[in-house]
Amino acid sequence: MDYQRRALTAADLSLDPITGAVAVATHGRRRLGAPTLWGTGGAARLTMTLAGLTNNAARMGQSADFGAVFCEWVEFWLTTRFALAPTADKALELWWAASPDGVGWPGGVSGADGAFTAANKSQLLLVGVLTTLASATSQSQLVGSIRLPSRWGAPVLLNASGQTLSATAADHLLEAYPVQ
């Protein structure tokens, strides 16, 4: 494959809404538009209540409709904070529930913000894992990319970090960027 250098553009940069830090995309994919955002504070458009999510608990977010002509690939970034510093190398697992029609959902997902039974995650698609740092400060990471199987979907986050997430709603944001 022939790789060419090019100048950075605004599409190569992302602004962390919590810390204000600027990140440069280094994953080799180009962003194709505005992200779909989940959370309960600030910029979030779709609801996913992560504040106070305890260890070994899971939460599903409100469903997203990516439209009749949706982007094939989506990249997920997660920004979060813990109430107390977790042990390094623990995990927050991000899963994706795809729906063919926005009505029928796998694994007990409803398409609405709510608690999720972690044992049902095997019926979902694993997006990736945010690997924890031993720090109670804000942690932000590219969790993974998936090929969307349908236009409708909902995220599910499983907290396997050993600690409870911060109780402040604005500390948590999930971003889904259409990429190519």
Protein backbone atom coordinates (compact mmCIF):
# COMPACT_ATOMS: atom_id res chain seq x y z
CA MET A 1 0.00 0.00 0.00
CA ASP A 2 1.31 3.45 -0.88
CA TYR A 3 1.22 5.88 2.03
CA GLN A 4 1.58 9.58 1.35
CA ARG A 5 2.24 12.42 3.75
CA ARG A 6 -0.32 15.15 3.92
CA ALA A 7 -0.87 18.26 5.99
CA LEU A 8 -3.01 17.97 9.11
CA THR A 9 -6.54 19.30 8.82
CA ALA A 10 -9.23 19.99 11.40
CA ALA A 11 -10.62 16.49 10.72
CA ASP A 12 -7.38 15.04 12.13
CA LEU A 13 -7.89 16.74 15.49
CA SER A 14 -10.30 16.08 18.31
CA LEU A 15 -10.98 18.18 21.38
CA ASP A 16 -11.62 16.36 24.63
CA PRO A 17 -14.77 18.11 25.96
CA ILE A 18 -13.83 17.36 29.57
CA THR A 19 -10.11 18.20 29.74
CA GLY A 20 -9.84 20.50 26.71
CA ALA A 21 -6.87 18.48 25.43
CA VAL A 22 -6.34 18.27 21.67
CA ALA A 23 -5.61 14.85 20.20
CA VAL A 24 -4.28 14.05 16.73
CA ALA A 25 -5.74 11.02 14.99
CA THR A 26 -2.97 8.49 14.30
CA HIS A 27 -5.06 5.45 13.46
CA GLY A 28 -4.90 5.85 9.67
CA ARG A 29 -8.61 6.49 9.14
CA ARG A 30 -10.18 9.77 8.11
CA ARG A 31 -13.16 11.13 10.00
CA LEU A 32 -16.20 11.81 7.83
CA GLY A 33 -18.31 14.09 9.95
CA ALA A 34 -19.63 14.98 13.35
CA PRO A 35 -19.66 12.28 16.02
CA THR A 36 -22.68 10.74 17.68
CA LEU A 37 -22.34 11.49 21.40
CA TRP A 38 -23.63 9.60 24.45
CA GLY A 39 -23.64 10.81 28.05
CA THR A 40 -25.80 12.90 30.34
CA GLY A 41 -23.90 16.17 30.56
CA GLY A 42 -22.88 19.01 28.28
CA ALA A 43 -22.50 18.10 24.62
CA ALA A 44 -24.13 14.65 24.71
CA ARG A 45 -27.10 14.16 22.39
CA LEU A 46 -28.07 10.61 23.33
CA THR A 47 -28.49 9.45 26.90
CA MET A 48 -26.15 6.96 28.56
CA THR A 49 -25.98 7.38 32.33
CA LEU A 50 -22.50 6.29 33.41
CA ALA A 51 -22.20 8.40 36.59
CA GLY A 52 -21.71 6.12 39.60
CA LEU A 53 -21.54 2.89 37.52
CA THR A 54 -20.25 0.31 40.00
CA ASN A 55 -17.69 -2.41 39.41
CA ASN A 56 -19.09 -5.41 37.49
CA ALA A 57 -22.19 -3.43 36.49
CA ALA A 58 -23.16 -2.66 32.90
CA ARG A 59 -25.17 0.14 31.32
CA MET A 60 -26.82 0.41 27.91
CA GLY A 61 -27.20 3.72 26.12
CA GLN A 62 -30.03 5.17 24.07
CA SER A 63 -30.12 3.81 20.52
CA ALA A 64 -28.73 5.73 17.56
CA ASP A 65 -30.12 5.80 14.04
CA PHE A 66 -27.23 6.33 11.63
CA GLY A 67 -29.63 6.86 8.72
CA ALA A 68 -30.65 4.91 5.63
CA VAL A 69 -27.24 5.58 4.03
CA PHE A 70 -24.94 5.10 6.99
CA CYS A 71 -21.16 5.09 7.21
CA GLU A 72 -19.68 1.62 7.03
CA TRP A 73 -17.11 2.06 9.84
CA VAL A 74 -17.37 3.84 13.19
CA GLU A 75 -14.58 4.58 15.67
CA PHE A 76 -15.39 4.86 19.38
CA TRP A 77 -13.64 7.12 21.89
CA LEU A 78 -14.45 6.90 25.60
CA THR A 79 -13.66 9.59 28.17
CA THR A 80 -14.37 8.80 31.80
CA ARG A 81 -13.21 9.35 35.36
CA PHE A 82 -13.21 7.07 38.41
CA ALA A 83 -14.30 7.86 41.97
CA LEU A 84 -11.04 6.27 43.22
CA ALA A 85 -7.98 5.28 41.20
CA PRO A 86 -8.42 1.80 39.70
CA THR A 87 -5.61 -0.72 39.47
CA ALA A 88 -3.69 -0.31 36.23
CA ASP A 89 -4.62 -2.61 33.33
CA LYS A 90 -8.20 -3.27 34.40
CA ALA A 91 -10.94 -2.70 31.84
CA LEU A 92 -14.06 -0.90 30.76
CA GLU A 93 -15.54 -3.09 28.02
CA LEU A 94 -17.51 -1.42 25.23
CA TRP A 95 -20.06 -3.57 23.39
CA TRP A 96 -22.43 -2.76 20.50
CA ALA A 97 -26.01 -3.98 20.12
CA ALA A 98 -27.13 -3.85 16.49
CA SER A 99 -30.78 -3.85 15.50
CA PRO A 100 -32.11 -4.54 11.99
CA ASP A 101 -35.16 -2.36 12.52
CA GLY A 102 -34.66 -0.22 15.67
CA VAL A 103 -37.26 -2.35 17.47
CA GLY A 104 -35.80 -5.84 18.00
CA TRP A 105 -32.59 -5.93 20.05
CA PRO A 106 -30.15 -8.70 21.07
CA GLY A 107 -29.19 -9.63 24.62
CA GLY A 108 -31.99 -7.82 26.40
CA VAL A 109 -31.01 -4.38 25.09
CA SER A 110 -34.04 -2.08 24.88
CA GLY A 111 -32.72 0.85 22.87
CA ALA A 112 -33.18 3.09 25.91
CA ASP A 113 -30.74 4.22 28.59
CA GLY A 114 -30.79 1.72 31.45
CA ALA A 115 -29.12 -1.06 33.40
CA PHE A 116 -27.91 -4.07 31.41
CA THR A 117 -27.41 -7.68 32.49
CA ALA A 118 -23.68 -8.28 31.91
CA ALA A 119 -24.21 -12.02 31.35
CA ASN A 120 -26.03 -11.17 28.09
CA LYS A 121 -23.00 -9.46 26.51
CA SER A 122 -22.16 -12.57 24.47
CA GLN A 123 -25.02 -11.65 22.09
CA LEU A 124 -23.41 -8.26 21.35
CA LEU A 125 -20.41 -7.15 19.27
CA LEU A 126 -17.26 -6.33 21.24
CA VAL A 127 -16.02 -2.89 20.17
CA GLY A 128 -12.99 -2.86 22.43
CA VAL A 129 -11.63 -2.08 25.87
CA LEU A 130 -10.48 1.05 27.66
CA THR A 131 -7.49 -0.20 29.63
CA THR A 132 -7.32 1.67 32.93
CA LEU A 133 -4.47 3.70 34.33
CA ALA A 134 -3.86 3.73 38.08
CA SER A 135 -5.29 7.24 38.31
CA ALA A 136 -8.53 8.91 39.36
CA THR A 137 -7.99 11.67 36.77
CA SER A 138 -9.84 11.76 33.47
CA GLN A 139 -9.00 8.86 31.15
CA SER A 140 -9.68 9.02 27.43
CA GLN A 141 -8.91 6.36 24.85
CA LEU A 142 -9.76 5.13 21.37
CA VAL A 143 -11.62 1.97 22.39
CA GLY A 144 -12.02 0.45 18.95
CA SER A 145 -13.64 0.54 15.53
CA ILE A 146 -16.41 -1.63 14.17
CA ARG A 147 -18.14 -2.16 10.86
CA LEU A 148 -21.78 -1.29 11.45
CA PRO A 149 -24.02 -4.25 10.60
CA SER A 150 -27.17 -2.09 10.49
CA ARG A 151 -28.26 1.52 10.73
CA TRP A 152 -29.54 1.16 14.32
CA GLY A 153 -27.41 0.38 17.33
CA ALA A 154 -26.85 1.02 21.01
CA PRO A 155 -23.67 0.99 23.11
CA VAL A 156 -23.24 -1.09 26.27
CA LEU A 157 -20.46 -0.41 28.77
CA LEU A 158 -19.34 -3.05 31.29
CA ASN A 159 -17.29 -1.76 34.23
CA ALA A 160 -14.63 -4.37 35.05
CA SER A 161 -12.21 -1.82 36.51
CA GLY A 162 -12.48 -2.77 40.17
CA GLN A 163 -13.73 0.76 40.98
CA THR A 164 -16.91 2.83 40.67
CA LEU A 165 -17.04 5.52 38.00
CA SER A 166 -17.23 9.15 39.13
CA ALA A 167 -20.67 10.35 40.26
CA THR A 168 -20.33 13.50 38.11
CA ALA A 169 -22.30 13.11 34.85
CA ALA A 170 -20.08 15.51 32.89
CA ASP A 171 -17.04 13.24 33.52
CA HIS A 172 -18.31 10.64 31.04
CA LEU A 173 -18.64 10.86 27.27
CA LEU A 174 -18.77 8.24 24.50
CA GLU A 175 -18.08 9.49 20.96
CA ALA A 176 -18.76 7.53 17.75
CA TYR A 177 -17.03 8.97 14.69
CA PRO A 178 -17.90 7.85 11.15
CA VAL A 179 -14.58 6.97 9.48
CA GLN A 180 -13.21 5.55 6.25
